[in-house]
Amino acid sequence: MSEKEVSGLSLKRVECETCGAVWINGQHYWQTGYKGNELDLAGLVCNNHGNAKCINPQKGAEGGDTWEKRLEYITKLTEGNDAY
């Protein structure tokens, strides 16, 4: 009897116990299922609410999206100005 050929496909899922963010095979994904951005995650969540257990490699980095940037965008929209 010949051995059955199997693929080397593997799936590694890691979840941050601080905020619930998920990485699949090293790629961050938002809860919506869309590919995430670790720098945006840091600006929106980790830098303000993360702790020593936070696993985001971009925690502490500056840049990306922030709540301040989102508020500025919304404010410009509501004032009738083009935000971008």
PDB file of N, CA and C in Angstrom:
ATOM      1  N   MET A   1       0.858  -1.167   0.000  1.00  0.00           N
ATOM      2  CA  MET A   1       0.000   0.000   0.000  1.00  0.00           C
ATOM      3  C   MET A   1       0.908   1.236   0.000  1.00  0.00           C
ATOM      4  N   SER A   2       0.649   2.185  -0.883  1.00  0.00           N
ATOM      5  CA  SER A   2       1.474   3.391  -0.954  1.00  0.00           C
ATOM      6  C   SER A   2       0.997   4.419   0.065  1.00  0.00           C
ATOM      7  N   GLU A   3       1.944   5.275   0.467  1.00  0.00           N
ATOM      8  CA  GLU A   3       1.593   6.323   1.432  1.00  0.00           C
ATOM      9  C   GLU A   3       0.783   7.411   0.755  1.00  0.00           C
ATOM     10  N   LYS A   4      -0.160   7.949   1.471  1.00  0.00           N
ATOM     11  CA  LYS A   4      -0.985   9.036   0.951  1.00  0.00           C
ATOM     12  C   LYS A   4      -0.169  10.323   0.968  1.00  0.00           C
ATOM     13  N   GLU A   5      -0.194  11.047  -0.143  1.00  0.00           N
ATOM     14  CA  GLU A   5       0.530  12.311  -0.227  1.00  0.00           C
ATOM     15  C   GLU A   5      -0.274  13.401   0.471  1.00  0.00           C
ATOM     16  N   VAL A   6       0.385  14.147   1.330  1.00  0.00           N
ATOM     17  CA  VAL A   6      -0.271  15.241   2.041  1.00  0.00           C
ATOM     18  C   VAL A   6       0.471  16.538   1.757  1.00  0.00           C
ATOM     19  N   SER A   7      -0.246  17.648   1.829  1.00  0.00           N
ATOM     20  CA  SER A   7       0.392  18.947   1.590  1.00  0.00           C
ATOM     21  C   SER A   7       1.030  19.458   2.874  1.00  0.00           C
ATOM     22  N   GLY A   8       1.864  20.448   2.722  1.00  0.00           N
ATOM     23  CA  GLY A   8       2.504  21.071   3.871  1.00  0.00           C
ATOM     24  C   GLY A   8       1.707  22.258   4.384  1.00  0.00           C
ATOM     25  N   LEU A   9       0.461  22.388   3.942  1.00  0.00           N
ATOM     26  CA  LEU A   9      -0.381  23.513   4.342  1.00  0.00           C
ATOM     27  C   LEU A   9      -0.628  23.478   5.845  1.00  0.00           C
ATOM     28  N   SER A  10      -0.414  24.610   6.477  1.00  0.00           N
ATOM     29  CA  SER A  10      -0.703  24.700   7.902  1.00  0.00           C
ATOM     30  C   SER A  10      -1.380  26.028   8.184  1.00  0.00           C
ATOM     31  N   LEU A  11      -2.036  26.111   9.294  1.00  0.00           N
ATOM     32  CA  LEU A  11      -2.747  27.305   9.691  1.00  0.00           C
ATOM     33  C   LEU A  11      -2.392  27.614  11.131  1.00  0.00           C
ATOM     34  N   LYS A  12      -1.865  28.816  11.336  1.00  0.00           N
ATOM     35  CA  LYS A  12      -1.514  29.228  12.690  1.00  0.00           C
ATOM     36  C   LYS A  12      -2.358  30.454  13.037  1.00  0.00           C
ATOM     37  N   ARG A  13      -3.151  30.352  14.072  1.00  0.00           N
ATOM     38  CA  ARG A  13      -4.015  31.443  14.521  1.00  0.00           C
ATOM     39  C   ARG A  13      -3.549  31.887  15.891  1.00  0.00           C
ATOM     40  N   VAL A  14      -3.294  33.212  16.026  1.00  0.00           N
ATOM     41  CA  VAL A  14      -2.863  33.774  17.302  1.00  0.00           C
ATOM     42  C   VAL A  14      -3.831  34.904  17.646  1.00  0.00           C
ATOM     43  N   GLU A  15      -4.284  34.934  18.885  1.00  0.00           N
ATOM     44  CA  GLU A  15      -5.225  35.965  19.329  1.00  0.00           C
ATOM     45  C   GLU A  15      -4.650  36.708  20.525  1.00  0.00           C
ATOM     46  N   CYS A  16      -4.728  38.034  20.470  1.00  0.00           N
ATOM     47  CA  CYS A  16      -4.268  38.854  21.584  1.00  0.00           C
ATOM     48  C   CYS A  16      -5.267  38.731  22.728  1.00  0.00           C
ATOM     49  N   GLU A  17      -4.780  38.342  23.889  1.00  0.00           N
ATOM     50  CA  GLU A  17      -5.700  38.194  25.019  1.00  0.00           C
ATOM     51  C   GLU A  17      -6.109  39.538  25.604  1.00  0.00           C
ATOM     52  N   THR A  18      -5.443  40.622  25.178  1.00  0.00           N
ATOM     53  CA  THR A  18      -5.812  41.952  25.662  1.00  0.00           C
ATOM     54  C   THR A  18      -7.025  42.497  24.905  1.00  0.00           C
ATOM     55  N   CYS A  19      -6.979  42.460  23.572  1.00  0.00           N
ATOM     56  CA  CYS A  19      -8.053  43.102  22.783  1.00  0.00           C
ATOM     57  C   CYS A  19      -8.792  42.151  21.863  1.00  0.00           C
ATOM     58  N   GLY A  20      -8.310  40.939  21.696  1.00  0.00           N
ATOM     59  CA  GLY A  20      -8.980  39.978  20.824  1.00  0.00           C
ATOM     60  C   GLY A  20      -8.562  40.061  19.362  1.00  0.00           C
ATOM     61  N   ALA A  21      -7.586  40.898  19.041  1.00  0.00           N
ATOM     62  CA  ALA A  21      -7.100  40.973  17.663  1.00  0.00           C
ATOM     63  C   ALA A  21      -6.552  39.614  17.249  1.00  0.00           C
ATOM     64  N   VAL A  22      -6.714  39.281  15.955  1.00  0.00           N
ATOM     65  CA  VAL A  22      -6.336  37.962  15.464  1.00  0.00           C
ATOM     66  C   VAL A  22      -5.316  38.071  14.331  1.00  0.00           C
ATOM     67  N   TRP A  23      -4.324  37.188  14.371  1.00  0.00           N
ATOM     68  CA  TRP A  23      -3.353  37.023  13.290  1.00  0.00           C
ATOM     69  C   TRP A  23      -3.487  35.604  12.786  1.00  0.00           C
ATOM     70  N   ILE A  24      -3.598  35.449  11.462  1.00  0.00           N
ATOM     71  CA  ILE A  24      -3.636  34.133  10.848  1.00  0.00           C
ATOM     72  C   ILE A  24      -2.413  34.025   9.948  1.00  0.00           C
ATOM     73  N   ASN A  25      -1.586  33.044  10.247  1.00  0.00           N
ATOM     74  CA  ASN A  25      -0.310  32.869   9.534  1.00  0.00           C
ATOM     75  C   ASN A  25       0.481  34.166   9.474  1.00  0.00           C
ATOM     76  N   GLY A  26       0.482  34.921  10.572  1.00  0.00           N
ATOM     77  CA  GLY A  26       1.270  36.145  10.678  1.00  0.00           C
ATOM     78  C   GLY A  26       0.612  37.392  10.119  1.00  0.00           C
ATOM     79  N   GLN A  27      -0.567  37.276   9.505  1.00  0.00           N
ATOM     80  CA  GLN A  27      -1.275  38.425   8.940  1.00  0.00           C
ATOM     81  C   GLN A  27      -2.414  38.834   9.871  1.00  0.00           C
ATOM     82  N   HIS A  28      -2.418  40.113  10.275  1.00  0.00           N
ATOM     83  CA  HIS A  28      -3.501  40.605  11.128  1.00  0.00           C
ATOM     84  C   HIS A  28      -4.772  40.739  10.298  1.00  0.00           C
ATOM     85  N   TYR A  29      -5.888  40.348  10.883  1.00  0.00           N
ATOM     86  CA  TYR A  29      -7.206  40.505  10.257  1.00  0.00           C
ATOM     87  C   TYR A  29      -8.132  41.216  11.235  1.00  0.00           C
ATOM     88  N   TRP A  30      -8.924  42.163  10.701  1.00  0.00           N
ATOM     89  CA  TRP A  30      -9.951  42.824  11.505  1.00  0.00           C
ATOM     90  C   TRP A  30     -11.069  41.829  11.763  1.00  0.00           C
ATOM     91  N   GLN A  31     -11.925  42.127  12.720  1.00  0.00           N
ATOM     92  CA  GLN A  31     -13.049  41.231  13.013  1.00  0.00           C
ATOM     93  C   GLN A  31     -14.001  41.115  11.840  1.00  0.00           C
ATOM     94  N   THR A  32     -13.941  42.057  10.910  1.00  0.00           N
ATOM     95  CA  THR A  32     -14.772  42.006   9.705  1.00  0.00           C
ATOM     96  C   THR A  32     -14.295  40.961   8.721  1.00  0.00           C
ATOM     97  N   GLY A  33     -13.071  40.456   8.932  1.00  0.00           N
ATOM     98  CA  GLY A  33     -12.495  39.487   8.022  1.00  0.00           C
ATOM     99  C   GLY A  33     -11.526  40.106   7.023  1.00  0.00           C
ATOM    100  N   TYR A  34     -11.496  41.433   6.958  1.00  0.00           N
ATOM    101  CA  TYR A  34     -10.576  42.116   6.052  1.00  0.00           C
ATOM    102  C   TYR A  34      -9.159  42.093   6.619  1.00  0.00           C
ATOM    103  N   LYS A  35      -8.177  42.081   5.700  1.00  0.00           N
ATOM    104  CA  LYS A  35      -6.788  42.157   6.139  1.00  0.00           C
ATOM    105  C   LYS A  35      -6.588  43.426   6.942  1.00  0.00           C
ATOM    106  N   GLY A  36      -5.878  43.297   8.033  1.00  0.00           N
ATOM    107  CA  GLY A  36      -5.647  44.422   8.921  1.00  0.00           C
ATOM    108  C   GLY A  36      -4.299  45.075   8.695  1.00  0.00           C
ATOM    109  N   ASN A  37      -4.076  46.113   9.463  1.00  0.00           N
ATOM    110  CA  ASN A  37      -2.840  46.862   9.432  1.00  0.00           C
ATOM    111  C   ASN A  37      -2.397  47.016  10.882  1.00  0.00           C
ATOM    112  N   GLU A  38      -1.258  46.437  11.218  1.00  0.00           N
ATOM    113  CA  GLU A  38      -0.794  46.443  12.614  1.00  0.00           C
ATOM    114  C   GLU A  38      -0.540  47.852  13.132  1.00  0.00           C
ATOM    115  N   LEU A  39      -0.094  48.767  12.259  1.00  0.00           N
ATOM    116  CA  LEU A  39       0.157  50.143  12.684  1.00  0.00           C
ATOM    117  C   LEU A  39      -1.160  50.853  12.989  1.00  0.00           C
ATOM    118  N   ASP A  40      -2.189  50.624  12.161  1.00  0.00           N
ATOM    119  CA  ASP A  40      -3.509  51.191  12.452  1.00  0.00           C
ATOM    120  C   ASP A  40      -4.063  50.616  13.755  1.00  0.00           C
ATOM    121  N   LEU A  41      -3.901  49.313  13.947  1.00  0.00           N
ATOM    122  CA  LEU A  41      -4.361  48.674  15.185  1.00  0.00           C
ATOM    123  C   LEU A  41      -3.672  49.304  16.388  1.00  0.00           C
ATOM    124  N   ALA A  42      -2.374  49.575  16.250  1.00  0.00           N
ATOM    125  CA  ALA A  42      -1.635  50.214  17.345  1.00  0.00           C
ATOM    126  C   ALA A  42      -2.200  51.598  17.636  1.00  0.00           C
ATOM    127  N   GLY A  43      -2.431  52.398  16.589  1.00  0.00           N
ATOM    128  CA  GLY A  43      -2.930  53.755  16.782  1.00  0.00           C
ATOM    129  C   GLY A  43      -4.335  53.812  17.335  1.00  0.00           C
ATOM    130  N   LEU A  44      -5.165  52.842  16.969  1.00  0.00           N
ATOM    131  CA  LEU A  44      -6.564  52.833  17.400  1.00  0.00           C
ATOM    132  C   LEU A  44      -6.779  52.126  18.738  1.00  0.00           C
ATOM    133  N   VAL A  45      -5.972  51.124  19.027  1.00  0.00           N
ATOM    134  CA  VAL A  45      -6.232  50.300  20.210  1.00  0.00           C
ATOM    135  C   VAL A  45      -5.006  50.146  21.115  1.00  0.00           C
ATOM    136  N   CYS A  46      -3.973  49.544  20.593  1.00  0.00           N
ATOM    137  CA  CYS A  46      -2.851  49.076  21.428  1.00  0.00           C
ATOM    138  C   CYS A  46      -2.127  50.189  22.179  1.00  0.00           C
ATOM    139  N   ASN A  47      -1.877  51.304  21.514  1.00  0.00           N
ATOM    140  CA  ASN A  47      -1.105  52.371  22.157  1.00  0.00           C
ATOM    141  C   ASN A  47      -1.875  53.027  23.298  1.00  0.00           C
ATOM    142  N   ASN A  48      -3.193  52.954  23.254  1.00  0.00           N
ATOM    143  CA  ASN A  48      -4.013  53.567  24.301  1.00  0.00           C
ATOM    144  C   ASN A  48      -4.521  52.557  25.327  1.00  0.00           C
ATOM    145  N   HIS A  49      -4.761  51.328  24.889  1.00  0.00           N
ATOM    146  CA  HIS A  49      -5.405  50.353  25.776  1.00  0.00           C
ATOM    147  C   HIS A  49      -4.619  49.064  25.946  1.00  0.00           C
ATOM    148  N   GLY A  50      -3.481  48.955  25.266  1.00  0.00           N
ATOM    149  CA  GLY A  50      -2.683  47.737  25.368  1.00  0.00           C
ATOM    150  C   GLY A  50      -1.970  47.650  26.707  1.00  0.00           C
ATOM    151  N   ASN A  51      -1.523  46.460  27.022  1.00  0.00           N
ATOM    152  CA  ASN A  51      -0.738  46.259  28.240  1.00  0.00           C
ATOM    153  C   ASN A  51       0.433  45.342  27.905  1.00  0.00           C
ATOM    154  N   ALA A  52       1.098  44.837  28.888  1.00  0.00           N
ATOM    155  CA  ALA A  52       2.279  43.999  28.659  1.00  0.00           C
ATOM    156  C   ALA A  52       1.951  42.716  27.906  1.00  0.00           C
ATOM    157  N   LYS A  53       0.687  42.299  27.918  1.00  0.00           N
ATOM    158  CA  LYS A  53       0.300  41.078  27.220  1.00  0.00           C
ATOM    159  C   LYS A  53      -0.037  41.326  25.745  1.00  0.00           C
ATOM    160  N   CYS A  54      -0.064  42.581  25.320  1.00  0.00           N
ATOM    161  CA  CYS A  54      -0.376  42.929  23.931  1.00  0.00           C
ATOM    162  C   CYS A  54       0.662  42.285  23.005  1.00  0.00           C
ATOM    163  N   ILE A  55       0.202  41.620  21.939  1.00  0.00           N
ATOM    164  CA  ILE A  55       1.108  40.912  21.040  1.00  0.00           C
ATOM    165  C   ILE A  55       1.332  41.639  19.721  1.00  0.00           C
ATOM    166  N   ASN A  56       0.755  42.825  19.543  1.00  0.00           N
ATOM    167  CA  ASN A  56       0.938  43.569  18.293  1.00  0.00           C
ATOM    168  C   ASN A  56       2.392  44.036  18.195  1.00  0.00           C
ATOM    169  N   PRO A  57       3.124  43.614  17.166  1.00  0.00           N
ATOM    170  CA  PRO A  57       4.514  44.037  17.039  1.00  0.00           C
ATOM    171  C   PRO A  57       4.669  45.538  16.797  1.00  0.00           C
ATOM    172  N   GLN A  58       3.600  46.227  16.413  1.00  0.00           N
ATOM    173  CA  GLN A  58       3.654  47.667  16.170  1.00  0.00           C
ATOM    174  C   GLN A  58       3.228  48.488  17.389  1.00  0.00           C
ATOM    175  N   LYS A  59       2.922  47.835  18.506  1.00  0.00           N
ATOM    176  CA  LYS A  59       2.525  48.568  19.709  1.00  0.00           C
ATOM    177  C   LYS A  59       3.621  49.560  20.085  1.00  0.00           C
ATOM    178  N   GLY A  60       3.245  50.810  20.291  1.00  0.00           N
ATOM    179  CA  GLY A  60       4.187  51.854  20.651  1.00  0.00           C
ATOM    180  C   GLY A  60       4.678  52.663  19.465  1.00  0.00           C
ATOM    181  N   ALA A  61       4.477  52.141  18.248  1.00  0.00           N
ATOM    182  CA  ALA A  61       4.909  52.866  17.053  1.00  0.00           C
ATOM    183  C   ALA A  61       3.927  53.992  16.753  1.00  0.00           C
ATOM    184  N   GLU A  62       4.450  55.087  16.238  1.00  0.00           N
ATOM    185  CA  GLU A  62       3.593  56.212  15.867  1.00  0.00           C
ATOM    186  C   GLU A  62       3.258  56.129  14.393  1.00  0.00           C
ATOM    187  N   GLY A  63       2.070  56.626  14.053  1.00  0.00           N
ATOM    188  CA  GLY A  63       1.629  56.600  12.661  1.00  0.00           C
ATOM    189  C   GLY A  63       0.362  55.790  12.546  1.00  0.00           C
ATOM    190  N   GLY A  64      -0.014  55.533  11.329  1.00  0.00           N
ATOM    191  CA  GLY A  64      -1.235  54.778  11.103  1.00  0.00           C
ATOM    192  C   GLY A  64      -2.462  55.592  11.473  1.00  0.00           C
ATOM    193  N   ASP A  65      -3.583  54.922  11.542  1.00  0.00           N
ATOM    194  CA  ASP A  65      -4.858  55.566  11.856  1.00  0.00           C
ATOM    195  C   ASP A  65      -4.971  55.779  13.362  1.00  0.00           C
ATOM    196  N   THR A  66      -5.642  56.838  13.748  1.00  0.00           N
ATOM    197  CA  THR A  66      -5.918  57.109  15.164  1.00  0.00           C
ATOM    198  C   THR A  66      -7.338  57.633  15.274  1.00  0.00           C
ATOM    199  N   TRP A  67      -7.867  57.656  16.487  1.00  0.00           N
ATOM    200  CA  TRP A  67      -9.204  58.205  16.692  1.00  0.00           C
ATOM    201  C   TRP A  67      -9.205  59.712  16.426  1.00  0.00           C
ATOM    202  N   GLU A  68      -8.089  60.372  16.686  1.00  0.00           N
ATOM    203  CA  GLU A  68      -7.998  61.804  16.416  1.00  0.00           C
ATOM    204  C   GLU A  68      -8.101  62.067  14.914  1.00  0.00           C
ATOM    205  N   LYS A  69      -7.438  61.244  14.108  1.00  0.00           N
ATOM    206  CA  LYS A  69      -7.522  61.402  12.653  1.00  0.00           C
ATOM    207  C   LYS A  69      -8.942  61.153  12.163  1.00  0.00           C
ATOM    208  N   ARG A  70      -9.595  60.163  12.725  1.00  0.00           N
ATOM    209  CA  ARG A  70     -10.974  59.864  12.315  1.00  0.00           C
ATOM    210  C   ARG A  70     -11.920  60.997  12.704  1.00  0.00           C
ATOM    211  N   LEU A  71     -11.712  61.569  13.889  1.00  0.00           N
ATOM    212  CA  LEU A  71     -12.548  62.690  14.317  1.00  0.00           C
ATOM    213  C   LEU A  71     -12.339  63.889  13.403  1.00  0.00           C
ATOM    214  N   GLU A  72     -11.099  64.163  13.036  1.00  0.00           N
ATOM    215  CA  GLU A  72     -10.791  65.267  12.131  1.00  0.00           C
ATOM    216  C   GLU A  72     -11.475  65.054  10.781  1.00  0.00           C
ATOM    217  N   TYR A  73     -11.428  63.850  10.262  1.00  0.00           N
ATOM    218  CA  TYR A  73     -12.070  63.516   8.995  1.00  0.00           C
ATOM    219  C   TYR A  73     -13.575  63.755   9.062  1.00  0.00           C
ATOM    220  N   ILE A  74     -14.214  63.268  10.125  1.00  0.00           N
ATOM    221  CA  ILE A  74     -15.658  63.424  10.286  1.00  0.00           C
ATOM    222  C   ILE A  74     -16.021  64.892  10.457  1.00  0.00           C
ATOM    223  N   THR A  75     -15.240  65.625  11.219  1.00  0.00           N
ATOM    224  CA  THR A  75     -15.492  67.046  11.429  1.00  0.00           C
ATOM    225  C   THR A  75     -15.441  67.797  10.112  1.00  0.00           C
ATOM    226  N   LYS A  76     -14.444  67.506   9.285  1.00  0.00           N
ATOM    227  CA  LYS A  76     -14.349  68.163   7.984  1.00  0.00           C
ATOM    228  C   LYS A  76     -15.526  67.798   7.092  1.00  0.00           C
ATOM    229  N   LEU A  77     -15.966  66.562   7.143  1.00  0.00           N
ATOM    230  CA  LEU A  77     -17.117  66.162   6.347  1.00  0.00           C
ATOM    231  C   LEU A  77     -18.383  66.883   6.783  1.00  0.00           C
ATOM    232  N   THR A  78     -18.582  66.998   8.079  1.00  0.00           N
ATOM    233  CA  THR A  78     -19.796  67.639   8.579  1.00  0.00           C
ATOM    234  C   THR A  78     -19.783  69.148   8.374  1.00  0.00           C
ATOM    235  N   GLU A  79     -18.594  69.722   8.203  1.00  0.00           N
ATOM    236  CA  GLU A  79     -18.481  71.138   7.919  1.00  0.00           C
ATOM    237  C   GLU A  79     -18.603  71.422   6.432  1.00  0.00           C
ATOM    238  N   GLY A  80     -18.722  70.363   5.626  1.00  0.00           N
ATOM    239  CA  GLY A  80     -18.853  70.531   4.197  1.00  0.00           C
ATOM    240  C   GLY A  80     -17.538  70.673   3.452  1.00  0.00           C
ATOM    241  N   ASN A  81     -16.433  70.428   4.127  1.00  0.00           N
ATOM    242  CA  ASN A  81     -15.120  70.505   3.486  1.00  0.00           C
ATOM    243  C   ASN A  81     -14.698  69.124   3.006  1.00  0.00           C
ATOM    244  N   ASP A  82     -13.868  69.077   1.993  1.00  0.00           N
ATOM    245  CA  ASP A  82     -13.293  67.808   1.565  1.00  0.00           C
ATOM    246  C   ASP A  82     -12.224  67.411   2.559  1.00  0.00           C
ATOM    247  N   ALA A  83     -12.363  66.221   3.132  1.00  0.00           N
ATOM    248  CA  ALA A  83     -11.399  65.775   4.135  1.00  0.00           C
ATOM    249  C   ALA A  83     -10.094  65.323   3.487  1.00  0.00           C
ATOM    250  N   TYR A  84     -10.191  64.679   2.341  1.00  0.00           N
ATOM    251  CA  TYR A  84      -8.988  64.189   1.674  1.00  0.00           C
ATOM    252  C   TYR A  84      -9.117  64.351   0.203  1.00  0.00           C
TER     253      TYR A  84
END
